[in-house]
Amino acid sequence: MWGSVVKIDDRGRIRLPGRLAKFGSVIIIDVGEYFIGIPIPKDPLAATSGIIRSEKSIEELKKEAEEDALRDALERARRMRHVD
């Protein structure tokens, strides 16, 4: 695992290290005092092809993932409402 210190410019942009240039996007997760960046390959399907075997179709897996993400987001929102 590698870490990098990068500067934030006056427009709020950061320049990622060159080794991350192969990625097309980055998911930024705000966790309060810091954030987590998860790089997304330019072609995620090609990059992950063959990693996981499943009897389900891509469409079924995608639908399940979206349903799980929605359920998780709603649960987190509910918990946040009770914390504030």
PDB file of N, CA and C in Angstrom:
ATOM      1  N   MET A   1       0.848  -1.165   0.000  1.00  0.00           N
ATOM      2  CA  MET A   1       0.000   0.000   0.000  1.00  0.00           C
ATOM      3  C   MET A   1       0.899   1.235   0.000  1.00  0.00           C
ATOM      4  N   TRP A   2       0.482   2.236  -0.776  1.00  0.00           N
ATOM      5  CA  TRP A   2       1.254   3.463  -0.899  1.00  0.00           C
ATOM      6  C   TRP A   2       0.433   4.639  -0.432  1.00  0.00           C
ATOM      7  N   GLY A   3       1.089   5.641   0.063  1.00  0.00           N
ATOM      8  CA  GLY A   3       0.437   6.887   0.432  1.00  0.00           C
ATOM      9  C   GLY A   3       1.139   8.033  -0.258  1.00  0.00           C
ATOM     10  N   SER A   4       0.420   9.098  -0.473  1.00  0.00           N
ATOM     11  CA  SER A   4       0.988  10.277  -1.118  1.00  0.00           C
ATOM     12  C   SER A   4       0.436  11.522  -0.453  1.00  0.00           C
ATOM     13  N   VAL A   5       1.262  12.538  -0.361  1.00  0.00           N
ATOM     14  CA  VAL A   5       0.813  13.848   0.081  1.00  0.00           C
ATOM     15  C   VAL A   5       0.665  14.697  -1.170  1.00  0.00           C
ATOM     16  N   VAL A   6      -0.516  15.229  -1.366  1.00  0.00           N
ATOM     17  CA  VAL A   6      -0.768  16.071  -2.538  1.00  0.00           C
ATOM     18  C   VAL A   6      -1.320  17.412  -2.077  1.00  0.00           C
ATOM     19  N   LYS A   7      -1.134  18.424  -2.887  1.00  0.00           N
ATOM     20  CA  LYS A   7      -1.621  19.764  -2.569  1.00  0.00           C
ATOM     21  C   LYS A   7      -3.017  19.957  -3.152  1.00  0.00           C
ATOM     22  N   ILE A   8      -3.810  20.767  -2.471  1.00  0.00           N
ATOM     23  CA  ILE A   8      -5.128  21.153  -2.963  1.00  0.00           C
ATOM     24  C   ILE A   8      -4.990  22.576  -3.491  1.00  0.00           C
ATOM     25  N   ASP A   9      -5.365  22.811  -4.755  1.00  0.00           N
ATOM     26  CA  ASP A   9      -5.219  24.161  -5.302  1.00  0.00           C
ATOM     27  C   ASP A   9      -6.381  25.051  -4.869  1.00  0.00           C
ATOM     28  N   ASP A  10      -6.334  26.314  -5.278  1.00  0.00           N
ATOM     29  CA  ASP A  10      -7.339  27.282  -4.835  1.00  0.00           C
ATOM     30  C   ASP A  10      -8.734  27.003  -5.390  1.00  0.00           C
ATOM     31  N   ARG A  11      -8.841  26.070  -6.332  1.00  0.00           N
ATOM     32  CA  ARG A  11     -10.147  25.676  -6.874  1.00  0.00           C
ATOM     33  C   ARG A  11     -10.611  24.339  -6.285  1.00  0.00           C
ATOM     34  N   GLY A  12      -9.888  23.821  -5.286  1.00  0.00           N
ATOM     35  CA  GLY A  12     -10.283  22.580  -4.623  1.00  0.00           C
ATOM     36  C   GLY A  12      -9.858  21.324  -5.348  1.00  0.00           C
ATOM     37  N   ARG A  13      -8.957  21.453  -6.305  1.00  0.00           N
ATOM     38  CA  ARG A  13      -8.520  20.284  -7.071  1.00  0.00           C
ATOM     39  C   ARG A  13      -7.244  19.703  -6.494  1.00  0.00           C
ATOM     40  N   ILE A  14      -7.107  18.397  -6.653  1.00  0.00           N
ATOM     41  CA  ILE A  14      -5.862  17.732  -6.284  1.00  0.00           C
ATOM     42  C   ILE A  14      -5.316  17.032  -7.517  1.00  0.00           C
ATOM     43  N   ARG A  15      -4.017  16.916  -7.563  1.00  0.00           N
ATOM     44  CA  ARG A  15      -3.386  16.186  -8.662  1.00  0.00           C
ATOM     45  C   ARG A  15      -2.884  14.863  -8.094  1.00  0.00           C
ATOM     46  N   LEU A  16      -3.423  13.790  -8.661  1.00  0.00           N
ATOM     47  CA  LEU A  16      -3.057  12.457  -8.177  1.00  0.00           C
ATOM     48  C   LEU A  16      -1.699  12.037  -8.720  1.00  0.00           C
ATOM     49  N   PRO A  17      -1.003  11.176  -8.003  1.00  0.00           N
ATOM     50  CA  PRO A  17       0.291  10.676  -8.476  1.00  0.00           C
ATOM     51  C   PRO A  17       0.159   9.957  -9.820  1.00  0.00           C
ATOM     52  N   GLY A  18       1.224   9.993 -10.600  1.00  0.00           N
ATOM     53  CA  GLY A  18       1.226   9.403 -11.938  1.00  0.00           C
ATOM     54  C   GLY A  18       0.828   7.940 -11.979  1.00  0.00           C
ATOM     55  N   ARG A  19       1.164   7.174 -10.933  1.00  0.00           N
ATOM     56  CA  ARG A  19       0.822   5.749 -10.947  1.00  0.00           C
ATOM     57  C   ARG A  19      -0.683   5.523 -10.933  1.00  0.00           C
ATOM     58  N   LEU A  20      -1.466   6.560 -10.604  1.00  0.00           N
ATOM     59  CA  LEU A  20      -2.929   6.443 -10.608  1.00  0.00           C
ATOM     60  C   LEU A  20      -3.539   6.931 -11.924  1.00  0.00           C
ATOM     61  N   ALA A  21      -2.690   7.355 -12.863  1.00  0.00           N
ATOM     62  CA  ALA A  21      -3.188   7.910 -14.122  1.00  0.00           C
ATOM     63  C   ALA A  21      -3.981   6.899 -14.951  1.00  0.00           C
ATOM     64  N   LYS A  22      -3.762   5.621 -14.720  1.00  0.00           N
ATOM     65  CA  LYS A  22      -4.476   4.597 -15.490  1.00  0.00           C
ATOM     66  C   LYS A  22      -5.953   4.509 -15.120  1.00  0.00           C
ATOM     67  N   PHE A  23      -6.322   5.139 -14.005  1.00  0.00           N
ATOM     68  CA  PHE A  23      -7.712   5.108 -13.559  1.00  0.00           C
ATOM     69  C   PHE A  23      -8.488   6.260 -14.177  1.00  0.00           C
ATOM     70  N   GLY A  24      -9.747   6.020 -14.467  1.00  0.00           N
ATOM     71  CA  GLY A  24     -10.572   7.038 -15.101  1.00  0.00           C
ATOM     72  C   GLY A  24     -11.268   7.942 -14.109  1.00  0.00           C
ATOM     73  N   SER A  25     -11.602   7.421 -12.936  1.00  0.00           N
ATOM     74  CA  SER A  25     -12.330   8.171 -11.922  1.00  0.00           C
ATOM     75  C   SER A  25     -11.904   7.688 -10.544  1.00  0.00           C
ATOM     76  N   VAL A  26     -12.295   8.471  -9.542  1.00  0.00           N
ATOM     77  CA  VAL A  26     -12.016   8.101  -8.160  1.00  0.00           C
ATOM     78  C   VAL A  26     -13.282   8.343  -7.351  1.00  0.00           C
ATOM     79  N   ILE A  27     -13.674   7.360  -6.572  1.00  0.00           N
ATOM     80  CA  ILE A  27     -14.775   7.551  -5.629  1.00  0.00           C
ATOM     81  C   ILE A  27     -14.179   8.206  -4.396  1.00  0.00           C
ATOM     82  N   ILE A  28     -14.770   9.317  -3.956  1.00  0.00           N
ATOM     83  CA  ILE A  28     -14.316  10.000  -2.753  1.00  0.00           C
ATOM     84  C   ILE A  28     -15.363   9.764  -1.665  1.00  0.00           C
ATOM     85  N   ILE A  29     -14.934   9.170  -0.568  1.00  0.00           N
ATOM     86  CA  ILE A  29     -15.819   8.907   0.559  1.00  0.00           C
ATOM     87  C   ILE A  29     -15.415   9.843   1.696  1.00  0.00           C
ATOM     88  N   ASP A  30     -16.303  10.752   2.053  1.00  0.00           N
ATOM     89  CA  ASP A  30     -16.055  11.714   3.128  1.00  0.00           C
ATOM     90  C   ASP A  30     -16.373  11.035   4.450  1.00  0.00           C
ATOM     91  N   VAL A  31     -15.353  10.888   5.289  1.00  0.00           N
ATOM     92  CA  VAL A  31     -15.549  10.252   6.584  1.00  0.00           C
ATOM     93  C   VAL A  31     -15.202  11.222   7.714  1.00  0.00           C
ATOM     94  N   GLY A  32     -15.597  12.463   7.536  1.00  0.00           N
ATOM     95  CA  GLY A  32     -15.417  13.463   8.582  1.00  0.00           C
ATOM     96  C   GLY A  32     -14.113  14.216   8.460  1.00  0.00           C
ATOM     97  N   GLU A  33     -13.153  13.859   9.280  1.00  0.00           N
ATOM     98  CA  GLU A  33     -11.874  14.568   9.314  1.00  0.00           C
ATOM     99  C   GLU A  33     -10.966  14.228   8.132  1.00  0.00           C
ATOM    100  N   TYR A  34     -11.297  13.219   7.380  1.00  0.00           N
ATOM    101  CA  TYR A  34     -10.486  12.813   6.233  1.00  0.00           C
ATOM    102  C   TYR A  34     -11.398  12.217   5.177  1.00  0.00           C
ATOM    103  N   PHE A  35     -10.827  11.849   4.042  1.00  0.00           N
ATOM    104  CA  PHE A  35     -11.603  11.161   3.018  1.00  0.00           C
ATOM    105  C   PHE A  35     -10.805   9.984   2.498  1.00  0.00           C
ATOM    106  N   ILE A  36     -11.530   9.061   1.913  1.00  0.00           N
ATOM    107  CA  ILE A  36     -10.932   7.873   1.327  1.00  0.00           C
ATOM    108  C   ILE A  36     -11.165   7.946  -0.173  1.00  0.00           C
ATOM    109  N   GLY A  37     -10.124   7.719  -0.948  1.00  0.00           N
ATOM    110  CA  GLY A  37     -10.244   7.701  -2.406  1.00  0.00           C
ATOM    111  C   GLY A  37     -10.106   6.283  -2.926  1.00  0.00           C
ATOM    112  N   ILE A  38     -11.083   5.862  -3.706  1.00  0.00           N
ATOM    113  CA  ILE A  38     -11.051   4.523  -4.293  1.00  0.00           C
ATOM    114  C   ILE A  38     -10.997   4.682  -5.809  1.00  0.00           C
ATOM    115  N   PRO A  39      -9.873   4.347  -6.435  1.00  0.00           N
ATOM    116  CA  PRO A  39      -9.764   4.513  -7.887  1.00  0.00           C
ATOM    117  C   PRO A  39     -10.657   3.525  -8.636  1.00  0.00           C
ATOM    118  N   ILE A  40     -11.224   4.018  -9.730  1.00  0.00           N
ATOM    119  CA  ILE A  40     -12.069   3.193 -10.598  1.00  0.00           C
ATOM    120  C   ILE A  40     -11.356   3.076 -11.941  1.00  0.00           C
ATOM    121  N   PRO A  41     -11.080   1.859 -12.401  1.00  0.00           N
ATOM    122  CA  PRO A  41     -10.417   1.699 -13.697  1.00  0.00           C
ATOM    123  C   PRO A  41     -11.241   2.314 -14.831  1.00  0.00           C
ATOM    124  N   LYS A  42     -10.557   2.741 -15.886  1.00  0.00           N
ATOM    125  CA  LYS A  42     -11.258   3.313 -17.040  1.00  0.00           C
ATOM    126  C   LYS A  42     -12.243   2.313 -17.632  1.00  0.00           C
ATOM    127  N   ASP A  43     -11.900   1.030 -17.610  1.00  0.00           N
ATOM    128  CA  ASP A  43     -12.811  -0.020 -18.074  1.00  0.00           C
ATOM    129  C   ASP A  43     -12.969  -1.035 -16.940  1.00  0.00           C
ATOM    130  N   PRO A  44     -13.890  -0.766 -16.000  1.00  0.00           N
ATOM    131  CA  PRO A  44     -14.019  -1.629 -14.827  1.00  0.00           C
ATOM    132  C   PRO A  44     -14.317  -3.091 -15.152  1.00  0.00           C
ATOM    133  N   LEU A  45     -15.124  -3.336 -16.174  1.00  0.00           N
ATOM    134  CA  LEU A  45     -15.440  -4.724 -16.514  1.00  0.00           C
ATOM    135  C   LEU A  45     -14.215  -5.480 -16.987  1.00  0.00           C
ATOM    136  N   ALA A  46     -13.414  -4.840 -17.822  1.00  0.00           N
ATOM    137  CA  ALA A  46     -12.200  -5.501 -18.305  1.00  0.00           C
ATOM    138  C   ALA A  46     -11.214  -5.721 -17.160  1.00  0.00           C
ATOM    139  N   ALA A  47     -11.103  -4.740 -16.270  1.00  0.00           N
ATOM    140  CA  ALA A  47     -10.154  -4.829 -15.155  1.00  0.00           C
ATOM    141  C   ALA A  47     -10.533  -5.906 -14.148  1.00  0.00           C
ATOM    142  N   THR A  48     -11.817  -6.195 -14.038  1.00  0.00           N
ATOM    143  CA  THR A  48     -12.261  -7.169 -13.044  1.00  0.00           C
ATOM    144  C   THR A  48     -12.749  -8.479 -13.647  1.00  0.00           C
ATOM    145  N   SER A  49     -12.667  -8.592 -14.933  1.00  0.00           N
ATOM    146  CA  SER A  49     -13.137  -9.792 -15.609  1.00  0.00           C
ATOM    147  C   SER A  49     -12.448 -11.041 -15.065  1.00  0.00           C
ATOM    148  N   GLY A  50     -13.244 -12.004 -14.663  1.00  0.00           N
ATOM    149  CA  GLY A  50     -12.701 -13.275 -14.211  1.00  0.00           C
ATOM    150  C   GLY A  50     -12.313 -13.324 -12.744  1.00  0.00           C
ATOM    151  N   ILE A  51     -12.433 -12.213 -12.020  1.00  0.00           N
ATOM    152  CA  ILE A  51     -12.056 -12.216 -10.604  1.00  0.00           C
ATOM    153  C   ILE A  51     -13.037 -13.039  -9.786  1.00  0.00           C
ATOM    154  N   ILE A  52     -14.321 -12.858 -10.072  1.00  0.00           N
ATOM    155  CA  ILE A  52     -15.362 -13.553  -9.312  1.00  0.00           C
ATOM    156  C   ILE A  52     -16.208 -14.379 -10.273  1.00  0.00           C
ATOM    157  N   ARG A  53     -16.427 -15.608  -9.928  1.00  0.00           N
ATOM    158  CA  ARG A  53     -17.284 -16.477 -10.728  1.00  0.00           C
ATOM    159  C   ARG A  53     -18.667 -16.501 -10.093  1.00  0.00           C
ATOM    160  N   SER A  54     -19.703 -16.461 -10.923  1.00  0.00           N
ATOM    161  CA  SER A  54     -21.066 -16.479 -10.415  1.00  0.00           C
ATOM    162  C   SER A  54     -21.984 -17.139 -11.415  1.00  0.00           C
ATOM    163  N   GLU A  55     -23.001 -17.766 -10.894  1.00  0.00           N
ATOM    164  CA  GLU A  55     -24.027 -18.359 -11.742  1.00  0.00           C
ATOM    165  C   GLU A  55     -25.015 -17.298 -12.228  1.00  0.00           C
ATOM    166  N   LYS A  56     -24.993 -16.122 -11.589  1.00  0.00           N
ATOM    167  CA  LYS A  56     -25.920 -15.050 -11.931  1.00  0.00           C
ATOM    168  C   LYS A  56     -25.381 -14.223 -13.091  1.00  0.00           C
ATOM    169  N   SER A  57     -26.312 -13.628 -13.835  1.00  0.00           N
ATOM    170  CA  SER A  57     -25.913 -12.762 -14.945  1.00  0.00           C
ATOM    171  C   SER A  57     -25.422 -11.420 -14.411  1.00  0.00           C
ATOM    172  N   ILE A  58     -24.743 -10.666 -15.247  1.00  0.00           N
ATOM    173  CA  ILE A  58     -24.282  -9.335 -14.874  1.00  0.00           C
ATOM    174  C   ILE A  58     -25.472  -8.467 -14.492  1.00  0.00           C
ATOM    175  N   GLU A  59     -26.563  -8.591 -15.218  1.00  0.00           N
ATOM    176  CA  GLU A  59     -27.758  -7.799 -14.926  1.00  0.00           C
ATOM    177  C   GLU A  59     -28.306  -8.115 -13.526  1.00  0.00           C
ATOM    178  N   GLU A  60     -28.343  -9.414 -13.182  1.00  0.00           N
ATOM    179  CA  GLU A  60     -28.829  -9.810 -11.851  1.00  0.00           C
ATOM    180  C   GLU A  60     -27.907  -9.284 -10.751  1.00  0.00           C
ATOM    181  N   LEU A  61     -26.597  -9.411 -10.969  1.00  0.00           N
ATOM    182  CA  LEU A  61     -25.639  -8.928  -9.985  1.00  0.00           C
ATOM    183  C   LEU A  61     -25.728  -7.412  -9.820  1.00  0.00           C
ATOM    184  N   LYS A  62     -25.875  -6.703 -10.937  1.00  0.00           N
ATOM    185  CA  LYS A  62     -25.995  -5.251 -10.889  1.00  0.00           C
ATOM    186  C   LYS A  62     -27.246  -4.840 -10.112  1.00  0.00           C
ATOM    187  N   LYS A  63     -28.370  -5.503 -10.392  1.00  0.00           N
ATOM    188  CA  LYS A  63     -29.617  -5.184  -9.706  1.00  0.00           C
ATOM    189  C   LYS A  63     -29.474  -5.416  -8.202  1.00  0.00           C
ATOM    190  N   GLU A  64     -28.877  -6.539  -7.811  1.00  0.00           N
ATOM    191  CA  GLU A  64     -28.676  -6.837  -6.395  1.00  0.00           C
ATOM    192  C   GLU A  64     -27.774  -5.790  -5.738  1.00  0.00           C
ATOM    193  N   ALA A  65     -26.713  -5.395  -6.436  1.00  0.00           N
ATOM    194  CA  ALA A  65     -25.787  -4.396  -5.892  1.00  0.00           C
ATOM    195  C   ALA A  65     -26.487  -3.059  -5.702  1.00  0.00           C
ATOM    196  N   GLU A  66     -27.307  -2.669  -6.675  1.00  0.00           N
ATOM    197  CA  GLU A  66     -28.040  -1.404  -6.560  1.00  0.00           C
ATOM    198  C   GLU A  66     -29.046  -1.459  -5.411  1.00  0.00           C
ATOM    199  N   GLU A  67     -29.724  -2.575  -5.249  1.00  0.00           N
ATOM    200  CA  GLU A  67     -30.680  -2.731  -4.147  1.00  0.00           C
ATOM    201  C   GLU A  67     -29.960  -2.681  -2.799  1.00  0.00           C
ATOM    202  N   ASP A  68     -28.803  -3.344  -2.709  1.00  0.00           N
ATOM    203  CA  ASP A  68     -28.025  -3.323  -1.469  1.00  0.00           C
ATOM    204  C   ASP A  68     -27.534  -1.913  -1.158  1.00  0.00           C
ATOM    205  N   ALA A  69     -27.070  -1.194  -2.200  1.00  0.00           N
ATOM    206  CA  ALA A  69     -26.583   0.173  -1.997  1.00  0.00           C
ATOM    207  C   ALA A  69     -27.709   1.087  -1.532  1.00  0.00           C
ATOM    208  N   LEU A  70     -28.885   0.950  -2.119  1.00  0.00           N
ATOM    209  CA  LEU A  70     -30.030   1.756  -1.712  1.00  0.00           C
ATOM    210  C   LEU A  70     -30.417   1.463  -0.267  1.00  0.00           C
ATOM    211  N   ARG A  71     -30.477   0.188   0.077  1.00  0.00           N
ATOM    212  CA  ARG A  71     -30.826  -0.215   1.438  1.00  0.00           C
ATOM    213  C   ARG A  71     -29.802   0.349   2.426  1.00  0.00           C
ATOM    214  N   ASP A  72     -28.519   0.262   2.080  1.00  0.00           N
ATOM    215  CA  ASP A  72     -27.461   0.777   2.938  1.00  0.00           C
ATOM    216  C   ASP A  72     -27.566   2.298   3.087  1.00  0.00           C
ATOM    217  N   ALA A  73     -27.806   3.008   1.985  1.00  0.00           N
ATOM    218  CA  ALA A  73     -27.924   4.471   2.033  1.00  0.00           C
ATOM    219  C   ALA A  73     -29.107   4.896   2.896  1.00  0.00           C
ATOM    220  N   LEU A  74     -30.226   4.217   2.759  1.00  0.00           N
ATOM    221  CA  LEU A  74     -31.404   4.547   3.559  1.00  0.00           C
ATOM    222  C   LEU A  74     -31.156   4.281   5.042  1.00  0.00           C
ATOM    223  N   GLU A  75     -30.484   3.186   5.346  1.00  0.00           N
ATOM    224  CA  GLU A  75     -30.164   2.859   6.736  1.00  0.00           C
ATOM    225  C   GLU A  75     -29.213   3.903   7.328  1.00  0.00           C
ATOM    226  N   ARG A  76     -28.212   4.305   6.557  1.00  0.00           N
ATOM    227  CA  ARG A  76     -27.267   5.324   7.036  1.00  0.00           C
ATOM    228  C   ARG A  76     -27.981   6.656   7.251  1.00  0.00           C
ATOM    229  N   ALA A  77     -28.861   7.021   6.335  1.00  0.00           N
ATOM    230  CA  ALA A  77     -29.614   8.275   6.466  1.00  0.00           C
ATOM    231  C   ALA A  77     -30.498   8.228   7.710  1.00  0.00           C
ATOM    232  N   ARG A  78     -31.124   7.088   7.954  1.00  0.00           N
ATOM    233  CA  ARG A  78     -31.971   6.934   9.134  1.00  0.00           C
ATOM    234  C   ARG A  78     -31.143   7.094  10.407  1.00  0.00           C
ATOM    235  N   ARG A  79     -29.976   6.465  10.434  1.00  0.00           N
ATOM    236  CA  ARG A  79     -29.110   6.573  11.616  1.00  0.00           C
ATOM    237  C   ARG A  79     -28.626   8.003  11.820  1.00  0.00           C
ATOM    238  N   MET A  80     -28.279   8.691  10.727  1.00  0.00           N
ATOM    239  CA  MET A  80     -27.812  10.078  10.821  1.00  0.00           C
ATOM    240  C   MET A  80     -28.907  10.989  11.369  1.00  0.00           C
ATOM    241  N   ARG A  81     -30.126  10.747  10.990  1.00  0.00           N
ATOM    242  CA  ARG A  81     -31.250  11.549  11.483  1.00  0.00           C
ATOM    243  C   ARG A  81     -31.386  11.414  12.992  1.00  0.00           C
ATOM    244  N   HIS A  82     -31.100  10.215  13.507  1.00  0.00           N
ATOM    245  CA  HIS A  82     -31.243   9.975  14.944  1.00  0.00           C
ATOM    246  C   HIS A  82     -30.035  10.482  15.734  1.00  0.00           C
ATOM    247  N   VAL A  83     -28.912  10.691  15.068  1.00  0.00           N
ATOM    248  CA  VAL A  83     -27.700  11.150  15.733  1.00  0.00           C
ATOM    249  C   VAL A  83     -27.739  12.663  15.915  1.00  0.00           C
ATOM    250  N   ASP A  84     -28.228  13.379  14.909  1.00  0.00           N
ATOM    251  CA  ASP A  84     -28.232  14.856  14.955  1.00  0.00           C
ATOM    252  C   ASP A  84     -29.192  15.430  15.921  1.00  0.00           C
TER     253      ASP A  84
END
